[in-house]
Protein backbone atom coordinates (compact mmCIF):
# COMPACT_ATOMS: atom_id res chain seq x y z
CA UNK A 1 4.38 -18.58 -16.32
CA UNK A 2 2.76 -16.19 -18.14
CA UNK A 3 1.85 -12.65 -17.79
CA UNK A 4 -1.96 -11.91 -17.26
CA UNK A 5 -3.11 -8.51 -18.30
CA UNK A 6 -6.26 -8.87 -16.75
CA UNK A 7 -5.28 -9.61 -13.45
CA UNK A 8 -2.14 -7.09 -13.77
CA UNK A 9 -4.30 -4.75 -14.19
CA UNK A 10 -7.03 -5.54 -11.92
CA UNK A 11 -4.14 -5.46 -8.97
CA UNK A 12 -3.49 -2.33 -9.66
CA UNK A 13 -6.98 -1.28 -10.21
CA UNK A 14 -7.45 -2.37 -6.21
CA UNK A 15 -4.36 -1.54 -5.01
CA UNK A 16 -5.67 2.50 -6.72
CA UNK A 17 -8.60 1.51 -4.76
CA UNK A 18 -6.74 0.68 -1.21
CA UNK A 19 -4.20 3.57 -1.52
CA UNK A 20 -7.16 6.16 -1.84
CA UNK A 21 -9.31 5.01 0.90
CA UNK A 22 -7.90 7.13 3.24
CA UNK A 23 -7.97 10.24 1.76
CA UNK A 24 -11.61 10.04 1.13
CA UNK A 25 -12.54 8.76 4.28
CA UNK A 26 -10.13 10.94 6.30
CA UNK A 27 -9.30 14.22 3.94
CA UNK A 28 -9.76 16.79 7.02
CA UNK A 29 -7.34 14.77 8.43
CA UNK A 30 -4.44 13.56 5.72
CA UNK A 31 -2.41 16.67 5.82
CA UNK A 32 -1.51 16.31 8.99
CA UNK A 33 -0.81 12.78 8.46
CA UNK A 34 1.22 14.11 5.61
CA UNK A 35 3.52 16.77 7.48
CA UNK A 36 3.94 13.83 10.54
CA UNK A 37 5.24 11.47 7.24
CA UNK A 38 7.65 14.08 5.86
CA UNK A 39 9.18 15.17 9.61
CA UNK A 40 9.63 11.08 10.13
CA UNK A 41 13.75 10.56 9.71
CA UNK A 42 14.22 8.12 6.27
CA UNK A 43 15.12 5.29 8.26
CA UNK A 44 12.05 5.44 10.11
CA UNK A 45 10.18 5.06 6.53
CA UNK A 46 12.68 3.49 5.43
CA UNK A 47 11.22 0.13 8.15
CA UNK A 48 7.47 1.44 7.66
CA UNK A 49 8.01 0.93 3.53
CA UNK A 50 9.75 -2.07 4.45
CA UNK A 51 7.27 -3.30 6.67
CA UNK A 52 4.54 -2.87 3.95
CA UNK A 53 6.37 -5.16 2.04
CA UNK A 54 6.35 -8.16 3.98
CA UNK A 55 2.98 -7.92 4.93
CA UNK A 56 1.62 -7.65 1.12
CA UNK A 57 3.82 -10.54 0.17
CA UNK A 58 2.40 -12.40 3.17
CA UNK A 59 -0.83 -11.72 2.21
CA UNK A 60 -0.08 -12.20 -1.67
CA UNK A 61 1.71 -15.69 -0.86
CA UNK A 62 -1.85 -16.15 1.70
CA UNK A 63 -3.98 -15.77 -1.07
CA UNK A 64 -1.83 -18.42 -3.23
CA UNK A 65 -2.38 -20.55 -0.99
CA UNK A 66 -6.03 -21.35 -0.72
């Protein structure tokens, strides 16, 4: 398996785009959302992060299977 720099940079760019959409669309609400996240316990944040990881892996798996 070779490292594909073009694919990597495309995936990284897509991640930046997807991460920035909430800040662009909901700029007024983001401080409240971030404040709410900052008040969460580490276990809740860990659960949220793990859920995101699992969903990401599933999306990649489904994308590779087509």
